[in-house]
Amino acid sequence: MDPSETSPRIKRAQQFAIEQLDERRLLSAGMGNTFAIMPGTVSTAGSMTSVQFKIDPSQFTAPRNGKLIVGIDVAPSTANSPFKPYIVSVKSSTGRTIMAQHAMYSKALVKANKLGSPVSSATLVTLPVPKAGHAPVTYTLQVEGANKTTGSFLAGFYLPGDTTGKGEVTSASLSTILSEVGQNSTSSKYTFDADSNRDGKITMSDVAIASKNLGAKTTISPVVDVNLAAADSGSLNSRITDHKTVTFSGTVTPKATITFTEANNNSPGATATADATGNYNIAVPLGNGSNTFKVSTMDAFGQAITGTIQPVTYSTNPPTVTNTPSTSTTTATS
C-alpha cells in the first residue's frame, strides 16, 4: 500500500483441501466491497493464528434487531502461493465460539474448478452492536493452514448486501441483488458484491442474508489518502521546499490515528487523529535534505495500515520557475 496516492479500497476445522479459484469468484480479500483488511501469518504447521477485531458502536450501525451480519474471507498475501488459509472459528471476548454460516458452491462450480470441498471459503457471523456510548466488543478470528501449509494471509471483512461500496446495506442494494437472482460467477450479469455469501451463485439465500442486514452501516475503511499541501510542494511541484514544516491532509477511517515516522530519523515526525468525518490535517517538521515518511494508521476496528510516501526534501534553495521574456525582432521594410 502506498498512501501517497490512494490505498486500496480482502471452514471450519475440517482438514480438506481449499483450492483457489479466480479471486473475484471466491475471495473478498482485495476484491469486492471490503471495509477492512487485516494481515496475519501462520508460521507453524498445524497451528492457529489469531486476529482480533472490534465492533465499536461509534463505527457501526446495526439493523433493527441490533445485530449485524459480517462476512469474513481469507486469502494468501501473495498470488500463486501454496499456502491455503481457512477460517477455523470466530470467538467472543469470553472465548465462546460464534456460530458461523458457510455456503456451498454449486456442483457445476466444484466440478469445473476441481474443488476438494464444496464449502465456501467465506464465513458469515452475526454480531450484536453495542448501544451508543457503550464500550466496543472484541472478537477473535482464528485462521489455520489446510494440509499443514504455512504462510501469510489477508483477512477481508465485508457487509453482506453492500453492493455499492459505501459501507451500507440499503433497499436499493436489495433490489440489485434481487435483479441478479439466477446468475452465477460465469454469467456476464453476475456481480461479486451481490453474492452475499460468496458461493459463486446468486439465489434467494443472498437476498435473505442482505434483507437481514438491511440498515447495517459502517464507517470503517481500508482507504488512506495522503496529500502534501500545494503551498509546501515547491514552485515546480517537485516536493522540494524551503518550508521547515509542511502540512499533509487527507481522509481515513473517522477517529483513526495517523502517524508520520521518518525512515532515517531525520525528522521527529508527528501524530494526529482524524475527525468524525475522517478528515485530517497534520503539520510535520522536516529535517535537512530528503525526508522519507512511513505513514501508519490505526482505527477502532483494529485495522492497521502502513505505507511509505514519496520523499519531501527541505532545501534553503529550492528550484524555482524563471520567466524569461520573449525577444521580439523588427524587420525593416523599404
C-alpha atoms as a PDB file:
ATOM      1  CA  MET A   1       0.000   0.000   0.000  1.00  0.00           C
ATOM      2  CA  ASP A   2       1.319   3.419  -0.913  1.00  0.00           C
ATOM      3  CA  PRO A   3      -0.761   6.058   0.847  1.00  0.00           C
ATOM      4  CA  SER A   4       0.951   8.843  -1.087  1.00  0.00           C
ATOM      5  CA  GLU A   5      -1.797   8.333  -3.605  1.00  0.00           C
ATOM      6  CA  THR A   6      -4.843   6.371  -2.517  1.00  0.00           C
ATOM      7  CA  SER A   7      -4.619   2.946  -0.968  1.00  0.00           C
ATOM      8  CA  PRO A   8      -6.900   0.281  -1.975  1.00  0.00           C
ATOM      9  CA  ARG A   9     -10.486   0.383  -1.013  1.00  0.00           C
ATOM     10  CA  ILE A  10      -9.667  -8.598   1.037  1.00  0.00           C
ATOM     11  CA  LYS A  11     -14.115 -23.728   7.339  1.00  0.00           C
ATOM     12  CA  ARG A  12     -14.457 -24.877   9.854  1.00  0.00           C
ATOM     13  CA  ALA A  13     -11.645 -27.005  11.336  1.00  0.00           C
ATOM     14  CA  GLN A  14     -12.056 -29.573   8.595  1.00  0.00           C
ATOM     15  CA  GLN A  15      -8.900 -30.967   7.023  1.00  0.00           C
ATOM     16  CA  PHE A  16      -9.912 -30.652   3.423  1.00  0.00           C
ATOM     17  CA  ALA A  17      -8.094 -29.088   0.515  1.00  0.00           C
ATOM     18  CA  ILE A  18      -9.061 -25.475  -0.076  1.00  0.00           C
ATOM     19  CA  GLU A  19      -8.310 -24.647  -3.681  1.00  0.00           C
ATOM     20  CA  GLN A  20      -8.123 -21.150  -5.061  1.00  0.00           C
ATOM     21  CA  LEU A  21     -10.475 -20.181  -7.805  1.00  0.00           C
ATOM     22  CA  ASP A  22     -10.449 -16.856  -9.520  1.00  0.00           C
ATOM     23  CA  GLU A  23     -10.366 -14.387  -6.594  1.00  0.00           C
ATOM     24  CA  ARG A  24     -13.343 -12.424  -7.869  1.00  0.00           C
ATOM     25  CA  ARG A  25     -15.450 -15.543  -7.592  1.00  0.00           C
ATOM     26  CA  LEU A  26     -14.449 -16.743  -4.167  1.00  0.00           C
ATOM     27  CA  LEU A  27     -12.347 -14.342  -2.157  1.00  0.00           C
ATOM     28  CA  SER A  28     -13.248 -10.946  -0.784  1.00  0.00           C
ATOM     29  CA  ALA A  29      -9.671 -10.081   0.235  1.00  0.00           C
ATOM     30  CA  GLY A  30      -8.664  -7.303  -2.121  1.00  0.00           C
ATOM     31  CA  MET A  31     -11.850  -7.846  -4.105  1.00  0.00           C
ATOM     32  CA  GLY A  32     -15.338  -6.519  -3.727  1.00  0.00           C
ATOM     33  CA  ASN A  33     -16.584  -4.039  -1.178  1.00  0.00           C
ATOM     34  CA  THR A  34     -14.276  -4.965   1.688  1.00  0.00           C
ATOM     35  CA  PHE A  35     -14.430  -2.477   4.578  1.00  0.00           C
ATOM     36  CA  ALA A  36     -11.319  -3.761   6.365  1.00  0.00           C
ATOM     37  CA  ILE A  37      -8.299  -5.887   5.506  1.00  0.00           C
ATOM     38  CA  MET A  38      -6.133  -7.349   8.270  1.00  0.00           C
ATOM     39  CA  PRO A  39      -2.931  -9.380   7.804  1.00  0.00           C
ATOM     40  CA  GLY A  40      -1.715 -12.428   9.675  1.00  0.00           C
ATOM     41  CA  THR A  41       0.800 -15.247   9.462  1.00  0.00           C
ATOM     42  CA  VAL A  42       0.587 -18.953  10.201  1.00  0.00           C
ATOM     43  CA  SER A  43       4.233 -19.721  10.912  1.00  0.00           C
ATOM     44  CA  THR A  44       3.974 -23.255  12.291  1.00  0.00           C
ATOM     45  CA  ALA A  45       2.299 -26.164  10.514  1.00  0.00           C
ATOM     46  CA  GLY A  46      -0.887 -27.234  12.236  1.00  0.00           C
ATOM     47  CA  SER A  47      -1.059 -24.143  14.443  1.00  0.00           C
ATOM     48  CA  MET A  48      -3.702 -21.423  14.534  1.00  0.00           C
ATOM     49  CA  THR A  49      -3.158 -17.673  14.308  1.00  0.00           C
ATOM     50  CA  SER A  50      -5.495 -15.200  15.979  1.00  0.00           C
ATOM     51  CA  VAL A  51      -6.574 -11.845  14.551  1.00  0.00           C
ATOM     52  CA  GLN A  52      -8.567  -9.553  16.833  1.00  0.00           C
ATOM     53  CA  PHE A  53     -11.168  -7.053  15.668  1.00  0.00           C
ATOM     54  CA  LYS A  54     -13.634  -4.797  17.459  1.00  0.00           C
ATOM     55  CA  ILE A  55     -17.238  -3.814  16.929  1.00  0.00           C
ATOM     56  CA  ASP A  56     -17.432  -0.206  18.109  1.00  0.00           C
ATOM     57  CA  PRO A  57     -20.883   1.433  18.244  1.00  0.00           C
ATOM     58  CA  SER A  58     -19.361   4.692  17.014  1.00  0.00           C
ATOM     59  CA  GLN A  59     -18.309   2.972  13.769  1.00  0.00           C
ATOM     60  CA  PHE A  60     -21.171   0.516  13.158  1.00  0.00           C
ATOM     61  CA  THR A  61     -24.927   0.878  12.800  1.00  0.00           C
ATOM     62  CA  ALA A  62     -26.968  -2.275  13.285  1.00  0.00           C
ATOM     63  CA  PRO A  63     -30.216  -3.293  11.569  1.00  0.00           C
ATOM     64  CA  ARG A  64     -33.430  -3.041  13.587  1.00  0.00           C
ATOM     65  CA  ASN A  65     -32.729  -6.181  15.606  1.00  0.00           C
ATOM     66  CA  GLY A  66     -29.446  -4.746  16.906  1.00  0.00           C
ATOM     67  CA  LYS A  67     -27.324  -7.402  15.193  1.00  0.00           C
ATOM     68  CA  LEU A  68     -25.355  -7.177  12.002  1.00  0.00           C
ATOM     69  CA  ILE A  69     -24.035  -9.865   9.695  1.00  0.00           C
ATOM     70  CA  VAL A  70     -20.327  -9.627   8.944  1.00  0.00           C
ATOM     71  CA  GLY A  71     -18.687 -11.590   6.144  1.00  0.00           C
ATOM     72  CA  ILE A  72     -15.074 -12.696   6.541  1.00  0.00           C
ATOM     73  CA  ASP A  73     -12.839 -14.285   3.934  1.00  0.00           C
ATOM     74  CA  VAL A  74      -9.152 -15.176   3.847  1.00  0.00           C
ATOM     75  CA  ALA A  75      -6.599 -15.406   1.062  1.00  0.00           C
ATOM     76  CA  PRO A  76      -2.813 -15.802   0.811  1.00  0.00           C
ATOM     77  CA  SER A  77      -0.972 -12.480   0.860  1.00  0.00           C
ATOM     78  CA  THR A  78       0.782 -13.314  -2.402  1.00  0.00           C
ATOM     79  CA  ALA A  79      -0.644 -14.676  -5.621  1.00  0.00           C
ATOM     80  CA  ASN A  80       0.008 -18.308  -6.558  1.00  0.00           C
ATOM     81  CA  SER A  81       1.081 -19.122  -3.004  1.00  0.00           C
ATOM     82  CA  PRO A  82       0.878 -22.798  -1.962  1.00  0.00           C
ATOM     83  CA  PHE A  83      -0.471 -21.610   1.398  1.00  0.00           C
ATOM     84  CA  LYS A  84      -4.158 -22.458   1.898  1.00  0.00           C
ATOM     85  CA  PRO A  85      -5.544 -20.438   4.827  1.00  0.00           C
ATOM     86  CA  TYR A  86      -9.013 -21.133   6.169  1.00  0.00           C
ATOM     87  CA  ILE A  87     -11.141 -19.769   8.985  1.00  0.00           C
ATOM     88  CA  VAL A  88     -11.385 -22.133  11.938  1.00  0.00           C
ATOM     89  CA  SER A  89     -13.654 -20.036  14.129  1.00  0.00           C
ATOM     90  CA  VAL A  90     -14.671 -16.627  15.423  1.00  0.00           C
ATOM     91  CA  LYS A  91     -14.714 -16.302  19.212  1.00  0.00           C
ATOM     92  CA  SER A  92     -16.277 -13.775  21.557  1.00  0.00           C
ATOM     93  CA  SER A  93     -14.311 -11.890  24.221  1.00  0.00           C
ATOM     94  CA  THR A  94     -15.241 -14.660  26.682  1.00  0.00           C
ATOM     95  CA  GLY A  95     -13.915 -17.395  24.402  1.00  0.00           C
ATOM     96  CA  ARG A  96     -17.307 -18.581  23.187  1.00  0.00           C
ATOM     97  CA  THR A  97     -17.364 -19.801  19.584  1.00  0.00           C
ATOM     98  CA  ILE A  98     -19.714 -17.717  17.450  1.00  0.00           C
ATOM     99  CA  MET A  99     -21.975 -19.759  15.205  1.00  0.00           C
ATOM    100  CA  ALA A 100     -20.818 -19.293  11.624  1.00  0.00           C
ATOM    101  CA  GLN A 101     -22.568 -19.860   8.316  1.00  0.00           C
ATOM    102  CA  HIS A 102     -20.798 -21.400   5.323  1.00  0.00           C
ATOM    103  CA  ALA A 103     -22.431 -21.592   1.917  1.00  0.00           C
ATOM    104  CA  MET A 104     -21.937 -24.441  -0.545  1.00  0.00           C
ATOM    105  CA  TYR A 105     -20.595 -23.971  -4.061  1.00  0.00           C
ATOM    106  CA  SER A 106     -22.748 -25.318  -6.861  1.00  0.00           C
ATOM    107  CA  LYS A 107     -21.927 -28.808  -8.149  1.00  0.00           C
ATOM    108  CA  ALA A 108     -21.038 -27.314 -11.521  1.00  0.00           C
ATOM    109  CA  LEU A 109     -18.557 -24.906  -9.920  1.00  0.00           C
ATOM    110  CA  VAL A 110     -16.991 -27.671  -7.829  1.00  0.00           C
ATOM    111  CA  LYS A 111     -16.595 -29.889 -10.889  1.00  0.00           C
ATOM    112  CA  ALA A 112     -15.340 -27.120 -13.191  1.00  0.00           C
ATOM    113  CA  ASN A 113     -12.667 -25.994 -10.738  1.00  0.00           C
ATOM    114  CA  LYS A 114     -11.881 -29.456  -9.321  1.00  0.00           C
ATOM    115  CA  LEU A 115     -12.551 -28.376  -5.757  1.00  0.00           C
ATOM    116  CA  GLY A 116     -11.816 -30.784  -2.935  1.00  0.00           C
ATOM    117  CA  SER A 117     -14.737 -29.394  -0.931  1.00  0.00           C
ATOM    118  CA  PRO A 118     -17.957 -27.599  -1.837  1.00  0.00           C
ATOM    119  CA  VAL A 119     -17.760 -25.425   1.304  1.00  0.00           C
ATOM    120  CA  SER A 120     -17.356 -21.702   0.547  1.00  0.00           C
ATOM    121  CA  SER A 121     -14.220 -20.023   1.885  1.00  0.00           C
ATOM    122  CA  ALA A 122     -16.303 -17.091   3.144  1.00  0.00           C
ATOM    123  CA  THR A 123     -17.720 -17.149   6.665  1.00  0.00           C
ATOM    124  CA  LEU A 124     -20.766 -15.204   7.842  1.00  0.00           C
ATOM    125  CA  VAL A 125     -21.208 -14.363  11.528  1.00  0.00           C
ATOM    126  CA  THR A 126     -23.988 -12.446  13.267  1.00  0.00           C
ATOM    127  CA  LEU A 127     -22.676  -9.994  15.862  1.00  0.00           C
ATOM    128  CA  PRO A 128     -24.550  -7.640  18.200  1.00  0.00           C
ATOM    129  CA  VAL A 129     -23.618  -3.965  18.011  1.00  0.00           C
ATOM    130  CA  PRO A 130     -23.197  -2.370  21.471  1.00  0.00           C
ATOM    131  CA  LYS A 131     -25.523   0.511  22.255  1.00  0.00           C
ATOM    132  CA  ALA A 132     -24.265   4.050  21.689  1.00  0.00           C
ATOM    133  CA  GLY A 133     -21.841   5.122  24.370  1.00  0.00           C
ATOM    134  CA  HIS A 134     -21.013   1.556  25.392  1.00  0.00           C
ATOM    135  CA  ALA A 135     -17.543   0.056  25.100  1.00  0.00           C
ATOM    136  CA  PRO A 136     -16.576  -1.805  21.913  1.00  0.00           C
ATOM    137  CA  VAL A 137     -16.658  -5.607  21.911  1.00  0.00           C
ATOM    138  CA  THR A 138     -13.581  -7.593  20.896  1.00  0.00           C
ATOM    139  CA  TYR A 139     -13.755 -10.744  18.765  1.00  0.00           C
ATOM    140  CA  THR A 140     -11.015 -13.144  17.717  1.00  0.00           C
ATOM    141  CA  LEU A 141     -10.714 -14.669  14.258  1.00  0.00           C
ATOM    142  CA  GLN A 142      -8.746 -17.924  14.201  1.00  0.00           C
ATOM    143  CA  VAL A 143      -7.008 -18.975  10.993  1.00  0.00           C
ATOM    144  CA  GLU A 144      -5.106 -22.153  10.136  1.00  0.00           C
ATOM    145  CA  GLY A 145      -3.387 -23.526   7.050  1.00  0.00           C
ATOM    146  CA  ALA A 146      -5.043 -26.502   5.348  1.00  0.00           C
ATOM    147  CA  ASN A 147      -2.893 -29.609   4.938  1.00  0.00           C
ATOM    148  CA  LYS A 148      -0.316 -28.107   7.331  1.00  0.00           C
ATOM    149  CA  THR A 149       0.611 -25.310   4.943  1.00  0.00           C
ATOM    150  CA  THR A 150       2.095 -22.099   6.339  1.00  0.00           C
ATOM    151  CA  GLY A 151       2.388 -18.515   5.167  1.00  0.00           C
ATOM    152  CA  SER A 152       0.990 -15.005   5.352  1.00  0.00           C
ATOM    153  CA  PHE A 153      -2.654 -14.189   4.702  1.00  0.00           C
ATOM    154  CA  LEU A 154      -5.113 -11.324   4.425  1.00  0.00           C
ATOM    155  CA  ALA A 155      -8.467 -11.428   6.183  1.00  0.00           C
ATOM    156  CA  GLY A 156     -11.101  -9.369   4.401  1.00  0.00           C
ATOM    157  CA  PHE A 157     -14.233  -8.130   6.195  1.00  0.00           C
ATOM    158  CA  TYR A 158     -17.389  -7.071   4.350  1.00  0.00           C
ATOM    159  CA  LEU A 159     -21.059  -6.276   4.930  1.00  0.00           C
ATOM    160  CA  PRO A 160     -23.172  -8.818   3.016  1.00  0.00           C
ATOM    161  CA  GLY A 161     -25.624  -6.792   0.967  1.00  0.00           C
ATOM    162  CA  ASP A 162     -23.351  -3.788   0.402  1.00  0.00           C
ATOM    163  CA  THR A 163     -23.444  -3.601  -3.391  1.00  0.00           C
ATOM    164  CA  THR A 164     -22.143  -0.044  -3.800  1.00  0.00           C
ATOM    165  CA  GLY A 165     -19.004   0.056  -1.663  1.00  0.00           C
ATOM    166  CA  LYS A 166     -20.444   2.809   0.532  1.00  0.00           C
ATOM    167  CA  GLY A 167     -20.361   0.618   3.633  1.00  0.00           C
ATOM    168  CA  GLU A 168     -24.130   0.289   3.940  1.00  0.00           C
ATOM    169  CA  VAL A 169     -26.985  -2.024   3.036  1.00  0.00           C
ATOM    170  CA  THR A 170     -29.990  -0.198   1.583  1.00  0.00           C
ATOM    171  CA  SER A 171     -33.265  -1.014  -0.143  1.00  0.00           C
ATOM    172  CA  ALA A 172     -31.527  -0.243  -3.433  1.00  0.00           C
ATOM    173  CA  SER A 173     -28.935  -2.893  -2.538  1.00  0.00           C
ATOM    174  CA  LEU A 174     -31.684  -5.483  -2.115  1.00  0.00           C
ATOM    175  CA  SER A 175     -33.166  -4.546  -5.476  1.00  0.00           C
ATOM    176  CA  THR A 176     -29.781  -5.019  -7.131  1.00  0.00           C
ATOM    177  CA  ILE A 177     -29.341  -8.476  -5.619  1.00  0.00           C
ATOM    178  CA  LEU A 178     -32.902  -9.489  -6.464  1.00  0.00           C
ATOM    179  CA  SER A 179     -32.348  -8.466 -10.085  1.00  0.00           C
ATOM    180  CA  GLU A 180     -29.402 -10.860 -10.322  1.00  0.00           C
ATOM    181  CA  VAL A 181     -31.048 -13.960  -8.860  1.00  0.00           C
ATOM    182  CA  GLY A 182     -30.234 -16.912 -11.108  1.00  0.00           C
ATOM    183  CA  GLN A 183     -26.850 -15.577 -12.186  1.00  0.00           C
ATOM    184  CA  ASN A 184     -23.605 -17.397 -11.414  1.00  0.00           C
ATOM    185  CA  SER A 185     -19.924 -16.480 -11.494  1.00  0.00           C
ATOM    186  CA  THR A 186     -19.619 -17.361 -15.178  1.00  0.00           C
ATOM    187  CA  SER A 187     -22.542 -15.122 -16.172  1.00  0.00           C
ATOM    188  CA  SER A 188     -21.918 -11.677 -17.616  1.00  0.00           C
ATOM    189  CA  LYS A 189     -24.624 -10.172 -15.386  1.00  0.00           C
ATOM    190  CA  TYR A 190     -23.184 -11.647 -12.181  1.00  0.00           C
ATOM    191  CA  THR A 191     -21.620  -9.096  -9.824  1.00  0.00           C
ATOM    192  CA  PHE A 192     -19.402 -10.189  -6.966  1.00  0.00           C
ATOM    193  CA  ASP A 193     -20.892  -7.859  -4.364  1.00  0.00           C
ATOM    194  CA  ALA A 194     -24.429  -9.094  -4.995  1.00  0.00           C
ATOM    195  CA  ASP A 195     -23.229 -12.560  -3.938  1.00  0.00           C
ATOM    196  CA  SER A 196     -23.826 -12.122  -0.199  1.00  0.00           C
ATOM    197  CA  ASN A 197     -22.372 -15.476   0.828  1.00  0.00           C
ATOM    198  CA  ARG A 198     -19.644 -15.586  -1.864  1.00  0.00           C
ATOM    199  CA  ASP A 199     -20.624 -19.023  -3.132  1.00  0.00           C
ATOM    200  CA  GLY A 200     -20.384 -18.229  -6.837  1.00  0.00           C
ATOM    201  CA  LYS A 201     -24.133 -18.081  -7.479  1.00  0.00           C
ATOM    202  CA  ILE A 202     -26.880 -15.604  -6.646  1.00  0.00           C
ATOM    203  CA  THR A 203     -30.024 -17.092  -5.162  1.00  0.00           C
ATOM    204  CA  MET A 204     -32.814 -16.079  -2.814  1.00  0.00           C
ATOM    205  CA  SER A 205     -30.440 -17.018   0.012  1.00  0.00           C
ATOM    206  CA  ASP A 206     -28.339 -13.984  -0.912  1.00  0.00           C
ATOM    207  CA  VAL A 207     -31.460 -11.822  -0.867  1.00  0.00           C
ATOM    208  CA  ALA A 208     -32.427 -13.222   2.551  1.00  0.00           C
ATOM    209  CA  ILE A 209     -28.975 -12.542   4.013  1.00  0.00           C
ATOM    210  CA  ALA A 210     -28.947  -8.984   2.696  1.00  0.00           C
ATOM    211  CA  SER A 211     -32.511  -8.444   3.960  1.00  0.00           C
ATOM    212  CA  LYS A 212     -31.424  -9.356   7.485  1.00  0.00           C
ATOM    213  CA  ASN A 213     -28.592  -6.845   7.096  1.00  0.00           C
ATOM    214  CA  LEU A 214     -30.846  -4.039   5.834  1.00  0.00           C
ATOM    215  CA  GLY A 215     -29.817  -0.844   7.610  1.00  0.00           C
ATOM    216  CA  ALA A 216     -26.355  -2.124   8.516  1.00  0.00           C
ATOM    217  CA  LYS A 217     -23.680   0.513   8.100  1.00  0.00           C
ATOM    218  CA  THR A 218     -20.011   1.069   8.890  1.00  0.00           C
ATOM    219  CA  THR A 219     -17.590   3.966   8.590  1.00  0.00           C
ATOM    220  CA  ILE A 220     -14.534   1.689   8.757  1.00  0.00           C
ATOM    221  CA  SER A 221     -12.497   1.925   5.553  1.00  0.00           C
ATOM    222  CA  PRO A 222      -9.329   0.317   4.151  1.00  0.00           C
ATOM    223  CA  VAL A 223      -8.566   3.539   2.277  1.00  0.00           C
ATOM    224  CA  VAL A 224      -5.927   6.072   3.373  1.00  0.00           C
ATOM    225  CA  ASP A 225      -5.466   9.269   1.407  1.00  0.00           C
ATOM    226  CA  VAL A 226      -2.340  11.413   1.968  1.00  0.00           C
ATOM    227  CA  ASN A 227      -1.774  14.717   0.172  1.00  0.00           C
ATOM    228  CA  LEU A 228       1.037  17.235   0.570  1.00  0.00           C
ATOM    229  CA  ALA A 229      -0.285  20.814   0.678  1.00  0.00           C
ATOM    230  CA  ALA A 230       0.233  22.663  -2.605  1.00  0.00           C
ATOM    231  CA  ALA A 231       1.949  25.513  -0.760  1.00  0.00           C
ATOM    232  CA  ASP A 232       4.568  23.046   0.504  1.00  0.00           C
ATOM    233  CA  SER A 233       5.153  21.233  -2.797  1.00  0.00           C
ATOM    234  CA  GLY A 234       7.557  23.770  -4.278  1.00  0.00           C
ATOM    235  CA  SER A 235       7.001  26.020  -7.257  1.00  0.00           C
ATOM    236  CA  LEU A 236       7.614  23.114  -9.642  1.00  0.00           C
ATOM    237  CA  ASN A 237       5.569  20.626  -7.588  1.00  0.00           C
ATOM    238  CA  SER A 238       8.885  18.862  -7.069  1.00  0.00           C
ATOM    239  CA  ARG A 239       8.286  18.184  -3.345  1.00  0.00           C
ATOM    240  CA  ILE A 240      11.414  20.271  -2.695  1.00  0.00           C
ATOM    241  CA  THR A 241      10.594  23.131  -0.345  1.00  0.00           C
ATOM    242  CA  ASP A 242      12.187  25.758   1.875  1.00  0.00           C
ATOM    243  CA  HIS A 243       9.402  25.314   4.438  1.00  0.00           C
ATOM    244  CA  LYS A 244      10.760  23.723   7.598  1.00  0.00           C
ATOM    245  CA  THR A 245       7.297  22.394   8.478  1.00  0.00           C
ATOM    246  CA  VAL A 246       4.865  21.049   5.886  1.00  0.00           C
ATOM    247  CA  THR A 247       1.206  20.110   6.031  1.00  0.00           C
ATOM    248  CA  PHE A 248      -0.389  16.864   4.904  1.00  0.00           C
ATOM    249  CA  SER A 249      -4.128  16.298   4.672  1.00  0.00           C
ATOM    250  CA  GLY A 250      -6.431  13.538   3.572  1.00  0.00           C
ATOM    251  CA  THR A 251      -9.056  11.032   4.628  1.00  0.00           C
ATOM    252  CA  VAL A 252      -9.013   7.847   6.657  1.00  0.00           C
ATOM    253  CA  THR A 253     -11.466   5.978   8.888  1.00  0.00           C
ATOM    254  CA  PRO A 254     -13.150   8.507  11.214  1.00  0.00           C
ATOM    255  CA  LYS A 255     -11.319   8.960  14.536  1.00  0.00           C
ATOM    256  CA  ALA A 256      -8.371   6.853  13.354  1.00  0.00           C
ATOM    257  CA  THR A 257      -4.882   7.904  14.417  1.00  0.00           C
ATOM    258  CA  ILE A 258      -2.353   8.698  11.702  1.00  0.00           C
ATOM    259  CA  THR A 259       1.383   8.780  12.381  1.00  0.00           C
ATOM    260  CA  PHE A 260       4.269  10.039  10.237  1.00  0.00           C
ATOM    261  CA  THR A 261       7.652   8.464  11.023  1.00  0.00           C
ATOM    262  CA  GLU A 262      10.808   9.471   9.129  1.00  0.00           C
ATOM    263  CA  ALA A 263      12.634   6.355   7.947  1.00  0.00           C
ATOM    264  CA  ASN A 264      16.118   7.668   8.808  1.00  0.00           C
ATOM    265  CA  ASN A 265      15.232   9.611  11.973  1.00  0.00           C
ATOM    266  CA  ASN A 266      15.771  12.831  10.036  1.00  0.00           C
ATOM    267  CA  SER A 267      12.543  14.265  11.491  1.00  0.00           C
ATOM    268  CA  PRO A 268      10.699  13.778  14.790  1.00  0.00           C
ATOM    269  CA  GLY A 269       7.557  13.017  12.786  1.00  0.00           C
ATOM    270  CA  ALA A 270       4.043  13.729  14.035  1.00  0.00           C
ATOM    271  CA  THR A 271       0.738  12.113  15.019  1.00  0.00           C
ATOM    272  CA  ALA A 272      -2.844  13.298  14.537  1.00  0.00           C
ATOM    273  CA  THR A 273      -6.392  11.985  14.882  1.00  0.00           C
ATOM    274  CA  ALA A 274      -8.964  12.190  12.107  1.00  0.00           C
ATOM    275  CA  ASP A 275     -12.227  13.982  12.826  1.00  0.00           C
ATOM    276  CA  ALA A 276     -15.685  12.425  12.895  1.00  0.00           C
ATOM    277  CA  THR A 277     -15.887  12.520   9.092  1.00  0.00           C
ATOM    278  CA  GLY A 278     -12.437  11.004   8.549  1.00  0.00           C
ATOM    279  CA  ASN A 279     -10.649  14.197   7.517  1.00  0.00           C
ATOM    280  CA  TYR A 280      -7.297  15.165   8.998  1.00  0.00           C
ATOM    281  CA  ASN A 281      -4.613  17.837   8.748  1.00  0.00           C
ATOM    282  CA  ILE A 282      -1.180  17.283  10.208  1.00  0.00           C
ATOM    283  CA  ALA A 283       1.871  19.563  10.426  1.00  0.00           C
ATOM    284  CA  VAL A 284       5.090  17.585  10.031  1.00  0.00           C
ATOM    285  CA  PRO A 285       8.571  19.056  10.632  1.00  0.00           C
ATOM    286  CA  LEU A 286      11.266  18.335   8.040  1.00  0.00           C
ATOM    287  CA  GLY A 287      14.906  17.537   8.610  1.00  0.00           C
ATOM    288  CA  ASN A 288      17.621  18.849   6.306  1.00  0.00           C
ATOM    289  CA  GLY A 289      17.670  17.192   2.904  1.00  0.00           C
ATOM    290  CA  SER A 290      15.398  14.315   1.909  1.00  0.00           C
ATOM    291  CA  ASN A 291      12.655  13.091   4.262  1.00  0.00           C
ATOM    292  CA  THR A 292      11.038   9.716   3.616  1.00  0.00           C
ATOM    293  CA  PHE A 293       7.973   9.178   5.778  1.00  0.00           C
ATOM    294  CA  LYS A 294       6.277   5.942   6.733  1.00  0.00           C
ATOM    295  CA  VAL A 295       2.594   6.632   7.309  1.00  0.00           C
ATOM    296  CA  SER A 296       0.747   4.370   9.749  1.00  0.00           C
ATOM    297  CA  THR A 297      -2.905   4.395  10.752  1.00  0.00           C
ATOM    298  CA  MET A 298      -4.912   2.532  13.377  1.00  0.00           C
ATOM    299  CA  ASP A 299      -8.702   2.565  13.554  1.00  0.00           C
ATOM    300  CA  ALA A 300     -11.330   1.467  16.061  1.00  0.00           C
ATOM    301  CA  PHE A 301     -11.837  -1.862  14.274  1.00  0.00           C
ATOM    302  CA  GLY A 302      -8.198  -2.782  14.926  1.00  0.00           C
ATOM    303  CA  GLN A 303      -7.155  -2.318  11.307  1.00  0.00           C
ATOM    304  CA  ALA A 304      -3.590  -1.061  10.891  1.00  0.00           C
ATOM    305  CA  ILE A 305      -2.452   0.319   7.534  1.00  0.00           C
ATOM    306  CA  THR A 306       1.153   1.243   6.785  1.00  0.00           C
ATOM    307  CA  GLY A 307       2.877   2.600   3.693  1.00  0.00           C
ATOM    308  CA  THR A 308       5.730   4.837   2.584  1.00  0.00           C
ATOM    309  CA  ILE A 309       5.055   8.067   0.705  1.00  0.00           C
ATOM    310  CA  GLN A 310       7.230   9.910  -1.790  1.00  0.00           C
ATOM    311  CA  PRO A 311      10.116  11.835  -0.174  1.00  0.00           C
ATOM    312  CA  VAL A 312       9.837  15.522   0.674  1.00  0.00           C
ATOM    313  CA  THR A 313      13.103  17.491   0.575  1.00  0.00           C
ATOM    314  CA  TYR A 314      13.967  20.526   2.680  1.00  0.00           C
ATOM    315  CA  SER A 315      16.321  22.933   0.912  1.00  0.00           C
ATOM    316  CA  THR A 316      17.190  26.578   1.525  1.00  0.00           C
ATOM    317  CA  ASN A 317      17.457  26.969  -2.235  1.00  0.00           C
ATOM    318  CA  PRO A 318      14.617  25.018  -3.881  1.00  0.00           C
ATOM    319  CA  PRO A 319      14.180  25.124  -7.659  1.00  0.00           C
ATOM    320  CA  THR A 320      12.024  27.970  -8.906  1.00  0.00           C
ATOM    321  CA  VAL A 321      10.228  28.902 -12.082  1.00  0.00           C
ATOM    322  CA  THR A 322      12.100  31.519 -14.094  1.00  0.00           C
ATOM    323  CA  ASN A 323      10.104  33.577 -16.558  1.00  0.00           C
ATOM    324  CA  THR A 324      12.279  34.634 -19.496  1.00  0.00           C
ATOM    325  CA  PRO A 325      10.754  37.437 -21.565  1.00  0.00           C
ATOM    326  CA  SER A 326      10.483  36.657 -25.237  1.00  0.00           C
ATOM    327  CA  THR A 327      12.757  38.556 -27.636  1.00  0.00           C
ATOM    328  CA  SER A 328      10.996  40.385 -30.478  1.00  0.00           C
ATOM    329  CA  THR A 329      12.680  41.076 -33.815  1.00  0.00           C
ATOM    330  CA  THR A 330      11.763  44.020 -36.026  1.00  0.00           C
ATOM    331  CA  THR A 331      12.447  43.763 -39.725  1.00  0.00           C
ATOM    332  CA  ALA A 332      12.758  46.998 -41.668  1.00  0.00           C
ATOM    333  CA  THR A 333      10.905  47.239 -44.948  1.00  0.00           C
ATOM    334  CA  SER A 334      11.512  49.702 -47.766  1.00  0.00           C
END
